Amino acid sequence: MEILITNDDGINSPAISRLANELKAYGNITVVAPDRDSSGKAASITLRDVLRFNEVDMGSDIKYYSVEGTPADSVIMARNEISQKPFDLVFSGINYGANMGADVFVSGTVGAAIHGYLGGTLSIALSIASLDAVKTNIDDSIYYSGLVCKYITENKIKTPEVININFPSNEKTIIKGAKNTYIGPKVEDEILIKETRPRGDYYFLRLDLKESYDFPNDSDMDAIQNGYISVSKLDTNMNPGGYDIKSTLSSDLAKYLNDNIK
């Protein structure tokens, strides 16, 4: 089993090496990720600039490569240049910060998974609902990510699709189980911050969770808010819901995780 691991937090994210070490029991791991934090790049690719990659010594038997480009560029570079074999599975993450609701369309983590799918590979996006890469304990997220990989490899599942998985932050809650969810509506506002400096006006963009929002039942946000792992199929036809969330791989994965909750 050839497994590609990527992310949008960059090659030096502590989560990507933890994930690689967890998944190496299930296949041959190749890690290819941006050389810097590339959050918010969505599924964008580089068309009018040079793309380069470098092998990175991480003191491991796993091969690591950094790409001077976006998360999607990393997947394309891995598939077309770095690897001598086609990938059977793509994992993107684990991202610090949840990727839920319509905001998945700006996520570099999900964007990389989408390009894995576009290349004909089953792709899994992984995120944890915490932005603090220093203080956040990701042990549970690593454990359940390993279970996801175990289920897919043992059942020899290769049908291309995108599965978006979000883990609650265990600093805030004990994980109660897993739910098969749909990707809910937009729950964040774009906040434009203006600063006037000697050279002119500078603008900074950030995303803020809406102050008051009633998360829809069976949505990814509702699951995370109530302490459950959210497992969603990303509808690659871009339909706003309407598919049977209980008839996909996401349902089987949610059940498997529930059967193995610590």
C-alpha atoms as a PDB file:
ATOM      1  CA  MET A   1       0.000   0.000   0.000  1.00  0.00           C
ATOM      2  CA  GLU A   2       1.515   3.308  -1.125  1.00  0.00           C
ATOM      3  CA  ILE A   3       0.387   6.151   1.159  1.00  0.00           C
ATOM      4  CA  LEU A   4       0.987   9.865   0.599  1.00  0.00           C
ATOM      5  CA  ILE A   5       0.803  12.227   3.579  1.00  0.00           C
ATOM      6  CA  THR A   6       0.565  15.973   3.073  1.00  0.00           C
ATOM      7  CA  ASN A   7      -0.852  19.003   4.892  1.00  0.00           C
ATOM      8  CA  ASP A   8      -1.252  22.775   4.724  1.00  0.00           C
ATOM      9  CA  ASP A   9       0.543  23.586   8.003  1.00  0.00           C
ATOM     10  CA  GLY A  10       3.897  22.859   6.399  1.00  0.00           C
ATOM     11  CA  ILE A  11       6.566  20.171   6.498  1.00  0.00           C
ATOM     12  CA  ASN A  12       7.697  21.209  10.001  1.00  0.00           C
ATOM     13  CA  SER A  13       4.305  20.740  11.620  1.00  0.00           C
ATOM     14  CA  PRO A  14       4.695  18.307  14.551  1.00  0.00           C
ATOM     15  CA  ALA A  15       1.453  16.589  13.534  1.00  0.00           C
ATOM     16  CA  ILE A  16       2.636  15.400  10.129  1.00  0.00           C
ATOM     17  CA  SER A  17       5.580  13.398  11.468  1.00  0.00           C
ATOM     18  CA  ARG A  18       3.400  11.928  14.228  1.00  0.00           C
ATOM     19  CA  LEU A  19       0.861  10.857  11.621  1.00  0.00           C
ATOM     20  CA  ALA A  20       3.545   9.368   9.367  1.00  0.00           C
ATOM     21  CA  ASN A  21       4.929   7.266  12.198  1.00  0.00           C
ATOM     22  CA  GLU A  22       1.432   6.037  13.080  1.00  0.00           C
ATOM     23  CA  LEU A  23       0.507   5.048   9.533  1.00  0.00           C
ATOM     24  CA  LYS A  24       3.752   3.331   8.519  1.00  0.00           C
ATOM     25  CA  ALA A  25       2.400   0.070   9.939  1.00  0.00           C
ATOM     26  CA  TYR A  26      -0.103   0.004   7.065  1.00  0.00           C
ATOM     27  CA  GLY A  27       2.033   0.787   4.051  1.00  0.00           C
ATOM     28  CA  ASN A  28       4.964   2.582   2.452  1.00  0.00           C
ATOM     29  CA  ILE A  29       4.799   6.227   3.536  1.00  0.00           C
ATOM     30  CA  THR A  30       5.899   9.258   1.519  1.00  0.00           C
ATOM     31  CA  VAL A  31       5.531  12.704   3.070  1.00  0.00           C
ATOM     32  CA  VAL A  32       5.309  15.677   0.706  1.00  0.00           C
ATOM     33  CA  ALA A  33       4.157  19.021   2.091  1.00  0.00           C
ATOM     34  CA  PRO A  34       4.594  22.777   1.590  1.00  0.00           C
ATOM     35  CA  ASP A  35       7.822  24.278   2.878  1.00  0.00           C
ATOM     36  CA  ARG A  36       5.825  26.756   4.971  1.00  0.00           C
ATOM     37  CA  ASP A  37       2.387  27.292   6.470  1.00  0.00           C
ATOM     38  CA  SER A  38      -0.049  27.424   3.547  1.00  0.00           C
ATOM     39  CA  SER A  39      -3.355  27.632   5.365  1.00  0.00           C
ATOM     40  CA  GLY A  40      -6.262  29.044   3.375  1.00  0.00           C
ATOM     41  CA  LYS A  41      -4.795  28.094  -0.009  1.00  0.00           C
ATOM     42  CA  ALA A  42      -7.786  25.844  -0.757  1.00  0.00           C
ATOM     43  CA  ALA A  43      -7.226  23.720  -3.891  1.00  0.00           C
ATOM     44  CA  SER A  44      -5.161  26.396  -5.660  1.00  0.00           C
ATOM     45  CA  ILE A  45      -2.199  25.441  -7.819  1.00  0.00           C
ATOM     46  CA  THR A  46       0.836  27.405  -9.011  1.00  0.00           C
ATOM     47  CA  LEU A  47       0.690  28.238 -12.720  1.00  0.00           C
ATOM     48  CA  ARG A  48       2.886  31.301 -13.228  1.00  0.00           C
ATOM     49  CA  ASP A  49       5.821  30.637 -10.950  1.00  0.00           C
ATOM     50  CA  VAL A  50       8.531  28.014 -10.555  1.00  0.00           C
ATOM     51  CA  LEU A  51       7.827  24.884  -8.511  1.00  0.00           C
ATOM     52  CA  ARG A  52      10.702  23.249  -6.657  1.00  0.00           C
ATOM     53  CA  PHE A  53      11.029  20.485  -4.102  1.00  0.00           C
ATOM     54  CA  ASN A  54      13.745  19.335  -1.711  1.00  0.00           C
ATOM     55  CA  GLU A  55      14.256  16.178   0.305  1.00  0.00           C
ATOM     56  CA  VAL A  56      14.264  16.971   4.024  1.00  0.00           C
ATOM     57  CA  ASP A  57      16.237  15.012   6.603  1.00  0.00           C
ATOM     58  CA  MET A  58      13.851  14.369   9.499  1.00  0.00           C
ATOM     59  CA  GLY A  59      16.003  11.675  11.107  1.00  0.00           C
ATOM     60  CA  SER A  60      13.570   8.987  10.006  1.00  0.00           C
ATOM     61  CA  ASP A  61      13.400   6.019   7.658  1.00  0.00           C
ATOM     62  CA  ILE A  62      10.394   7.749   6.072  1.00  0.00           C
ATOM     63  CA  LYS A  63      11.084   9.989   3.056  1.00  0.00           C
ATOM     64  CA  TYR A  64      10.125  13.650   3.572  1.00  0.00           C
ATOM     65  CA  TYR A  65       9.980  16.302   0.850  1.00  0.00           C
ATOM     66  CA  SER A  66       9.164  20.006   1.024  1.00  0.00           C
ATOM     67  CA  VAL A  67       7.577  21.837  -1.900  1.00  0.00           C
ATOM     68  CA  GLU A  68       7.834  25.547  -2.652  1.00  0.00           C
ATOM     69  CA  GLY A  69       4.142  25.745  -3.449  1.00  0.00           C
ATOM     70  CA  THR A  70       0.631  25.089  -2.233  1.00  0.00           C
ATOM     71  CA  PRO A  71      -0.762  21.927  -0.611  1.00  0.00           C
ATOM     72  CA  ALA A  72      -2.304  20.976  -3.952  1.00  0.00           C
ATOM     73  CA  ASP A  73       1.066  21.530  -5.652  1.00  0.00           C
ATOM     74  CA  SER A  74       2.547  19.103  -3.120  1.00  0.00           C
ATOM     75  CA  VAL A  75       0.106  16.374  -4.118  1.00  0.00           C
ATOM     76  CA  ILE A  76       0.717  16.969  -7.821  1.00  0.00           C
ATOM     77  CA  MET A  77       4.496  16.977  -7.338  1.00  0.00           C
ATOM     78  CA  ALA A  78       4.341  13.794  -5.266  1.00  0.00           C
ATOM     79  CA  ARG A  79       2.194  11.987  -7.814  1.00  0.00           C
ATOM     80  CA  ASN A  80       3.971  13.092 -10.980  1.00  0.00           C
ATOM     81  CA  GLU A  81       7.609  13.497  -9.989  1.00  0.00           C
ATOM     82  CA  ILE A  82       8.627  12.278  -6.527  1.00  0.00           C
ATOM     83  CA  SER A  83       7.013   8.860  -6.308  1.00  0.00           C
ATOM     84  CA  GLN A  84       7.920   6.035  -8.667  1.00  0.00           C
ATOM     85  CA  LYS A  85       4.668   4.239  -7.818  1.00  0.00           C
ATOM     86  CA  PRO A  86       1.029   5.385  -7.879  1.00  0.00           C
ATOM     87  CA  PHE A  87      -0.505   6.173  -4.513  1.00  0.00           C
ATOM     88  CA  ASP A  88      -3.302   4.020  -3.107  1.00  0.00           C
ATOM     89  CA  LEU A  89      -4.297   6.464  -0.374  1.00  0.00           C
ATOM     90  CA  VAL A  90      -3.797  10.139   0.471  1.00  0.00           C
ATOM     91  CA  PHE A  91      -3.964  11.589   3.981  1.00  0.00           C
ATOM     92  CA  SER A  92      -3.945  15.375   4.431  1.00  0.00           C
ATOM     93  CA  GLY A  93      -3.310  16.638   7.961  1.00  0.00           C
ATOM     94  CA  ILE A  94      -3.562  16.537  10.837  1.00  0.00           C
ATOM     95  CA  ASN A  95      -4.488  20.219  10.577  1.00  0.00           C
ATOM     96  CA  TYR A  96      -4.465  22.478  13.615  1.00  0.00           C
ATOM     97  CA  GLY A  97      -7.896  24.091  13.407  1.00  0.00           C
ATOM     98  CA  ALA A  98     -11.186  22.491  12.403  1.00  0.00           C
ATOM     99  CA  ASN A  99     -12.228  22.416   8.750  1.00  0.00           C
ATOM    100  CA  MET A 100     -15.999  22.292   8.820  1.00  0.00           C
ATOM    101  CA  GLY A 101     -19.035  23.720   7.086  1.00  0.00           C
ATOM    102  CA  ALA A 102     -18.775  25.613   3.826  1.00  0.00           C
ATOM    103  CA  ASP A 103     -15.384  26.851   5.002  1.00  0.00           C
ATOM    104  CA  VAL A 104     -13.890  23.577   3.722  1.00  0.00           C
ATOM    105  CA  PHE A 105     -13.746  25.337   0.364  1.00  0.00           C
ATOM    106  CA  VAL A 106     -10.953  27.638   1.606  1.00  0.00           C
ATOM    107  CA  SER A 107      -9.052  24.901   3.447  1.00  0.00           C
ATOM    108  CA  GLY A 108      -5.649  23.907   2.120  1.00  0.00           C
ATOM    109  CA  THR A 109      -5.992  20.622   4.017  1.00  0.00           C
ATOM    110  CA  VAL A 110      -9.201  19.754   2.188  1.00  0.00           C
ATOM    111  CA  GLY A 111      -7.841  21.234  -1.056  1.00  0.00           C
ATOM    112  CA  ALA A 112      -4.925  18.791  -0.992  1.00  0.00           C
ATOM    113  CA  ALA A 113      -7.365  15.911  -0.444  1.00  0.00           C
ATOM    114  CA  ILE A 114      -9.441  17.129  -3.386  1.00  0.00           C
ATOM    115  CA  HIS A 115      -6.384  16.968  -5.638  1.00  0.00           C
ATOM    116  CA  GLY A 116      -5.677  13.483  -4.364  1.00  0.00           C
ATOM    117  CA  TYR A 117      -9.197  12.550  -5.424  1.00  0.00           C
ATOM    118  CA  LEU A 118      -8.794  14.286  -8.796  1.00  0.00           C
ATOM    119  CA  GLY A 119      -5.762  12.065  -9.344  1.00  0.00           C
ATOM    120  CA  GLY A 120      -7.951   9.007  -8.819  1.00  0.00           C
ATOM    121  CA  THR A 121      -7.055   8.265  -5.192  1.00  0.00           C
ATOM    122  CA  LEU A 122      -9.151   7.843  -2.046  1.00  0.00           C
ATOM    123  CA  SER A 123      -8.249  10.885   0.052  1.00  0.00           C
ATOM    124  CA  ILE A 124      -8.789  11.662   3.734  1.00  0.00           C
ATOM    125  CA  ALA A 125      -8.604  15.175   5.238  1.00  0.00           C
ATOM    126  CA  LEU A 126      -7.858  15.265   8.988  1.00  0.00           C
ATOM    127  CA  SER A 127      -8.250  18.245  11.335  1.00  0.00           C
ATOM    128  CA  ILE A 128      -8.436  18.892  15.075  1.00  0.00           C
ATOM    129  CA  ALA A 129     -10.577  21.639  16.583  1.00  0.00           C
ATOM    130  CA  SER A 130      -7.664  23.516  18.144  1.00  0.00           C
ATOM    131  CA  LEU A 131      -5.318  26.121  16.699  1.00  0.00           C
ATOM    132  CA  ASP A 132      -2.581  25.735  19.332  1.00  0.00           C
ATOM    133  CA  ALA A 133       0.103  23.484  17.862  1.00  0.00           C
ATOM    134  CA  VAL A 134       2.222  23.790  21.020  1.00  0.00           C
ATOM    135  CA  LYS A 135      -0.281  22.985  23.766  1.00  0.00           C
ATOM    136  CA  THR A 136      -2.713  20.724  21.924  1.00  0.00           C
ATOM    137  CA  ASN A 137      -2.472  17.020  22.757  1.00  0.00           C
ATOM    138  CA  ILE A 138      -3.067  15.151  19.500  1.00  0.00           C
ATOM    139  CA  ASP A 139      -2.624  11.618  20.874  1.00  0.00           C
ATOM    140  CA  ASP A 140      -6.295  10.719  20.393  1.00  0.00           C
ATOM    141  CA  SER A 141      -6.398  12.234  16.912  1.00  0.00           C
ATOM    142  CA  ILE A 142      -3.331  10.221  15.927  1.00  0.00           C
ATOM    143  CA  TYR A 143      -4.842   7.034  17.364  1.00  0.00           C
ATOM    144  CA  TYR A 144      -8.148   7.424  15.506  1.00  0.00           C
ATOM    145  CA  SER A 145      -6.361   8.413  12.282  1.00  0.00           C
ATOM    146  CA  GLY A 146      -4.483   5.129  12.551  1.00  0.00           C
ATOM    147  CA  LEU A 147      -7.788   3.281  12.918  1.00  0.00           C
ATOM    148  CA  VAL A 148      -9.112   4.976   9.782  1.00  0.00           C
ATOM    149  CA  CYS A 149      -6.052   3.835   7.836  1.00  0.00           C
ATOM    150  CA  LYS A 150      -6.325   0.335   9.309  1.00  0.00           C
ATOM    151  CA  TYR A 151      -9.968   0.000   8.263  1.00  0.00           C
ATOM    152  CA  ILE A 152      -9.304   1.206   4.715  1.00  0.00           C
ATOM    153  CA  THR A 153      -6.227  -0.951   4.151  1.00  0.00           C
ATOM    154  CA  GLU A 154      -7.636  -4.121   5.735  1.00  0.00           C
ATOM    155  CA  ASN A 155     -10.803  -3.829   3.665  1.00  0.00           C
ATOM    156  CA  LYS A 156      -8.827  -2.925   0.534  1.00  0.00           C
ATOM    157  CA  ILE A 157     -10.973   0.141  -0.151  1.00  0.00           C
ATOM    158  CA  LYS A 158      -9.686   2.158  -3.104  1.00  0.00           C
ATOM    159  CA  THR A 159     -12.739   3.841  -4.645  1.00  0.00           C
ATOM    160  CA  PRO A 160     -11.783   7.521  -5.052  1.00  0.00           C
ATOM    161  CA  GLU A 161     -13.674  10.003  -2.876  1.00  0.00           C
ATOM    162  CA  VAL A 162     -12.921  12.691  -0.301  1.00  0.00           C
ATOM    163  CA  ILE A 163     -13.625  12.018   3.372  1.00  0.00           C
ATOM    164  CA  ASN A 164     -13.351  14.977   5.752  1.00  0.00           C
ATOM    165  CA  ILE A 165     -12.690  14.045   9.393  1.00  0.00           C
ATOM    166  CA  ASN A 166     -12.621  16.485  12.307  1.00  0.00           C
ATOM    167  CA  PHE A 167     -11.567  15.599  15.851  1.00  0.00           C
ATOM    168  CA  PRO A 168     -12.686  17.460  18.979  1.00  0.00           C
ATOM    169  CA  SER A 169      -9.937  19.080  21.001  1.00  0.00           C
ATOM    170  CA  ASN A 170      -9.488  16.778  23.994  1.00  0.00           C
ATOM    171  CA  GLU A 171      -8.403  19.769  26.067  1.00  0.00           C
ATOM    172  CA  LYS A 172     -12.052  20.793  26.006  1.00  0.00           C
ATOM    173  CA  THR A 173     -13.938  17.502  25.962  1.00  0.00           C
ATOM    174  CA  ILE A 174     -13.677  13.731  26.197  1.00  0.00           C
ATOM    175  CA  ILE A 175     -14.367  12.140  22.827  1.00  0.00           C
ATOM    176  CA  LYS A 176     -17.754  10.453  23.151  1.00  0.00           C
ATOM    177  CA  GLY A 177     -17.812   8.651  19.820  1.00  0.00           C
ATOM    178  CA  ALA A 178     -17.993   9.288  16.091  1.00  0.00           C
ATOM    179  CA  LYS A 179     -20.824  10.495  13.884  1.00  0.00           C
ATOM    180  CA  ASN A 180     -21.441  10.291  10.175  1.00  0.00           C
ATOM    181  CA  THR A 181     -22.248  13.901   9.333  1.00  0.00           C
ATOM    182  CA  TYR A 182     -22.907  16.206   6.442  1.00  0.00           C
ATOM    183  CA  ILE A 183     -20.856  19.321   5.779  1.00  0.00           C
ATOM    184  CA  GLY A 184     -22.890  22.160   7.194  1.00  0.00           C
ATOM    185  CA  PRO A 185     -23.324  25.813   6.211  1.00  0.00           C
ATOM    186  CA  LYS A 186     -20.824  28.644   6.479  1.00  0.00           C
ATOM    187  CA  VAL A 187     -20.162  29.461  10.125  1.00  0.00           C
ATOM    188  CA  GLU A 188     -17.296  31.953   9.934  1.00  0.00           C
ATOM    189  CA  ASP A 189     -17.137  35.607   8.934  1.00  0.00           C
ATOM    190  CA  GLU A 190     -14.247  37.150   7.024  1.00  0.00           C
ATOM    191  CA  ILE A 191     -12.863  40.017   9.078  1.00  0.00           C
ATOM    192  CA  LEU A 192     -10.736  42.599   7.252  1.00  0.00           C
ATOM    193  CA  ILE A 193      -8.372  44.487   9.552  1.00  0.00           C
ATOM    194  CA  LYS A 194      -6.885  47.761   8.378  1.00  0.00           C
ATOM    195  CA  GLU A 195      -3.631  49.222   9.709  1.00  0.00           C
ATOM    196  CA  THR A 196      -2.291  52.579   8.591  1.00  0.00           C
ATOM    197  CA  ARG A 197       1.505  52.643   8.407  1.00  0.00           C
ATOM    198  CA  PRO A 198       4.066  55.158   7.073  1.00  0.00           C
ATOM    199  CA  ARG A 199       4.110  53.419   3.681  1.00  0.00           C
ATOM    200  CA  GLY A 200       0.347  53.299   3.394  1.00  0.00           C
ATOM    201  CA  ASP A 201      -2.582  51.137   4.421  1.00  0.00           C
ATOM    202  CA  TYR A 202      -2.086  47.444   5.160  1.00  0.00           C
ATOM    203  CA  TYR A 203      -4.922  44.926   5.320  1.00  0.00           C
ATOM    204  CA  PHE A 204      -5.052  41.609   7.157  1.00  0.00           C
ATOM    205  CA  LEU A 205      -7.719  38.956   6.779  1.00  0.00           C
ATOM    206  CA  ARG A 206      -8.898  36.597   9.496  1.00  0.00           C
ATOM    207  CA  LEU A 207     -11.813  34.243  10.004  1.00  0.00           C
ATOM    208  CA  ASP A 208     -14.002  34.530  13.099  1.00  0.00           C
ATOM    209  CA  LEU A 209     -16.626  32.053  14.216  1.00  0.00           C
ATOM    210  CA  LYS A 210     -20.062  33.632  14.176  1.00  0.00           C
ATOM    211  CA  GLU A 211     -20.906  34.760  17.703  1.00  0.00           C
ATOM    212  CA  SER A 212     -24.260  33.028  17.828  1.00  0.00           C
ATOM    213  CA  TYR A 213     -25.080  30.058  15.657  1.00  0.00           C
ATOM    214  CA  ASP A 214     -27.434  27.138  16.062  1.00  0.00           C
ATOM    215  CA  PHE A 215     -25.526  24.295  14.405  1.00  0.00           C
ATOM    216  CA  PRO A 216     -27.827  22.031  12.339  1.00  0.00           C
ATOM    217  CA  ASN A 217     -28.416  18.495  13.616  1.00  0.00           C
ATOM    218  CA  ASP A 218     -26.228  15.843  11.940  1.00  0.00           C
ATOM    219  CA  SER A 219     -23.809  18.511  10.704  1.00  0.00           C
ATOM    220  CA  ASP A 220     -20.063  18.377  11.246  1.00  0.00           C
ATOM    221  CA  MET A 221     -20.172  21.433  13.538  1.00  0.00           C
ATOM    222  CA  ASP A 222     -22.906  19.902  15.711  1.00  0.00           C
ATOM    223  CA  ALA A 223     -20.857  16.722  16.178  1.00  0.00           C
ATOM    224  CA  ILE A 224     -17.688  18.577  17.206  1.00  0.00           C
ATOM    225  CA  GLN A 225     -19.575  20.908  19.548  1.00  0.00           C
ATOM    226  CA  ASN A 226     -21.005  17.870  21.345  1.00  0.00           C
ATOM    227  CA  GLY A 227     -17.747  15.964  21.665  1.00  0.00           C
ATOM    228  CA  TYR A 228     -17.963  13.571  18.712  1.00  0.00           C
ATOM    229  CA  ILE A 229     -15.571  12.864  15.858  1.00  0.00           C
ATOM    230  CA  SER A 230     -17.146  14.130  12.641  1.00  0.00           C
ATOM    231  CA  VAL A 231     -16.816  11.943   9.539  1.00  0.00           C
ATOM    232  CA  SER A 232     -18.182  13.551   6.364  1.00  0.00           C
ATOM    233  CA  LYS A 233     -18.162  12.747   2.697  1.00  0.00           C
ATOM    234  CA  LEU A 234     -17.293  15.775   0.613  1.00  0.00           C
ATOM    235  CA  ASP A 235     -19.765  15.864  -2.264  1.00  0.00           C
ATOM    236  CA  THR A 236     -17.436  16.364  -5.206  1.00  0.00           C
ATOM    237  CA  ASN A 237     -20.413  17.307  -7.386  1.00  0.00           C
ATOM    238  CA  MET A 238     -20.709  20.394  -5.163  1.00  0.00           C
ATOM    239  CA  ASN A 239     -24.360  19.703  -4.394  1.00  0.00           C
ATOM    240  CA  PRO A 240     -25.517  21.523  -1.242  1.00  0.00           C
ATOM    241  CA  GLY A 241     -26.439  18.351   0.654  1.00  0.00           C
ATOM    242  CA  GLY A 242     -29.143  16.010  -0.487  1.00  0.00           C
ATOM    243  CA  TYR A 243     -27.173  12.751  -0.603  1.00  0.00           C
ATOM    244  CA  ASP A 244     -27.756   9.895   1.824  1.00  0.00           C
ATOM    245  CA  ILE A 245     -25.048  10.368   4.451  1.00  0.00           C
ATOM    246  CA  LYS A 246     -25.625   6.816   5.677  1.00  0.00           C
ATOM    247  CA  SER A 247     -24.709   5.108   2.408  1.00  0.00           C
ATOM    248  CA  THR A 248     -21.045   6.047   2.021  1.00  0.00           C
ATOM    249  CA  LEU A 249     -17.626   5.114   3.352  1.00  0.00           C
ATOM    250  CA  SER A 250     -18.066   7.892   5.912  1.00  0.00           C
ATOM    251  CA  SER A 251     -20.826   5.864   7.567  1.00  0.00           C
ATOM    252  CA  ASP A 252     -18.681   2.728   7.752  1.00  0.00           C
ATOM    253  CA  LEU A 253     -15.737   4.669   9.184  1.00  0.00           C
ATOM    254  CA  ALA A 254     -17.924   6.349  11.815  1.00  0.00           C
ATOM    255  CA  LYS A 255     -19.266   2.957  12.914  1.00  0.00           C
ATOM    256  CA  TYR A 256     -15.759   1.471  13.046  1.00  0.00           C
ATOM    257  CA  LEU A 257     -14.458   4.359  15.150  1.00  0.00           C
ATOM    258  CA  ASN A 258     -17.452   4.044  17.477  1.00  0.00           C
ATOM    259  CA  ASP A 259     -16.658   0.373  17.953  1.00  0.00           C
ATOM    260  CA  ASN A 260     -13.108   1.310  18.959  1.00  0.00           C
ATOM    261  CA  ILE A 261     -13.619   4.393  21.142  1.00  0.00           C
ATOM    262  CA  LYS A 262     -11.174   4.409  24.042  1.00  0.00           C
END
